C-alpha atoms as a PDB file:
ATOM      1  CA  UNK A   1     -11.894  67.147-103.667  1.00  0.00           C
ATOM      2  CA  UNK A   2     -11.046  62.800-103.252  1.00  0.00           C
ATOM      3  CA  UNK A   3     -10.802  62.956-107.474  1.00  0.00           C
ATOM      4  CA  UNK A   4      -8.045  65.404-107.975  1.00  0.00           C
ATOM      5  CA  UNK A   5      -6.418  64.835-104.450  1.00  0.00           C
ATOM      6  CA  UNK A   6      -6.129  60.923-106.095  1.00  0.00           C
ATOM      7  CA  UNK A   7      -5.112  61.868-109.418  1.00  0.00           C
ATOM      8  CA  UNK A   8      -2.027  63.960-107.971  1.00  0.00           C
ATOM      9  CA  UNK A   9      -1.177  60.968-105.709  1.00  0.00           C
ATOM     10  CA  UNK A  10      -1.340  58.655-108.695  1.00  0.00           C
ATOM     11  CA  UNK A  11       0.964  61.127-110.585  1.00  0.00           C
ATOM     12  CA  UNK A  12       3.047  61.507-107.840  1.00  0.00           C
ATOM     13  CA  UNK A  13       3.798  57.639-107.318  1.00  0.00           C
ATOM     14  CA  UNK A  14       6.038  56.698-110.482  1.00  0.00           C
ATOM     15  CA  UNK A  15       7.955  59.926-109.808  1.00  0.00           C
ATOM     16  CA  UNK A  16      12.137  59.194-109.310  1.00  0.00           C
ATOM     17  CA  UNK A  17      13.291  61.456-107.269  1.00  0.00           C
ATOM     18  CA  UNK A  18      17.198  61.316-107.975  1.00  0.00           C
ATOM     19  CA  UNK A  19      17.864  64.164-110.165  1.00  0.00           C
ATOM     20  CA  UNK A  20      16.838  67.350-109.719  1.00  0.00           C
ATOM     21  CA  UNK A  21      14.743  67.115-112.762  1.00  0.00           C
ATOM     22  CA  UNK A  22      12.524  64.520-110.539  1.00  0.00           C
ATOM     23  CA  UNK A  23      12.623  66.961-107.524  1.00  0.00           C
ATOM     24  CA  UNK A  24      11.413  69.570-109.629  1.00  0.00           C
ATOM     25  CA  UNK A  25       8.260  67.241-111.336  1.00  0.00           C
ATOM     26  CA  UNK A  26       7.373  66.195-107.684  1.00  0.00           C
ATOM     27  CA  UNK A  27       7.696  69.544-106.236  1.00  0.00           C
ATOM     28  CA  UNK A  28       5.379  71.112-109.169  1.00  0.00           C
ATOM     29  CA  UNK A  29       3.029  68.190-108.581  1.00  0.00           C
ATOM     30  CA  UNK A  30       2.687  68.413-105.297  1.00  0.00           C
ATOM     31  CA  UNK A  31       1.893  72.533-105.635  1.00  0.00           C
ATOM     32  CA  UNK A  32      -1.096  71.182-108.491  1.00  0.00           C
ATOM     33  CA  UNK A  33      -2.356  69.134-105.537  1.00  0.00           C
ATOM     34  CA  UNK A  34      -2.146  71.873-103.165  1.00  0.00           C
ATOM     35  CA  UNK A  35      -4.053  74.179-105.653  1.00  0.00           C
ATOM     36  CA  UNK A  36      -6.710  71.903-106.463  1.00  0.00           C
ATOM     37  CA  UNK A  37      -7.603  71.531-102.966  1.00  0.00           C
ATOM     38  CA  UNK A  38      -7.458  75.216-102.464  1.00  0.00           C
ATOM     39  CA  UNK A  39      -9.473  75.332-105.781  1.00  0.00           C
ATOM     40  CA  UNK A  40     -12.166  72.292-104.215  1.00  0.00           C
ATOM     41  CA  UNK A  41     -12.353  74.724-100.953  1.00  0.00           C
ATOM     42  CA  UNK A  42     -13.205  77.485-102.514  1.00  0.00           C
ATOM     43  CA  UNK A  43     -15.702  76.349-104.749  1.00  0.00           C
ATOM     44  CA  UNK A  44     -17.710  74.418-101.669  1.00  0.00           C
ATOM     45  CA  UNK A  45     -17.628  77.631-100.296  1.00  0.00           C
ATOM     46  CA  UNK A  46     -19.062  79.387-103.095  1.00  0.00           C
ATOM     47  CA  UNK A  47     -21.726  76.865-104.065  1.00  0.00           C
ATOM     48  CA  UNK A  48     -23.131  77.299-100.127  1.00  0.00           C
ATOM     49  CA  UNK A  49     -25.655  79.564 -99.134  1.00  0.00           C
ATOM     50  CA  UNK A  50     -24.553  82.546 -96.851  1.00  0.00           C
END
């Protein structure tokens, strides 16, 4: 989970938010980060025994 979070954070840092395209890119990266975190949580829950 930390790896996915760190990668998304690094990619978000140089994004310029001065245009609508930059804002859209930042929003897409944020959504990707949330998705990857969700996948990590589900994978961890699936890995653990009942």
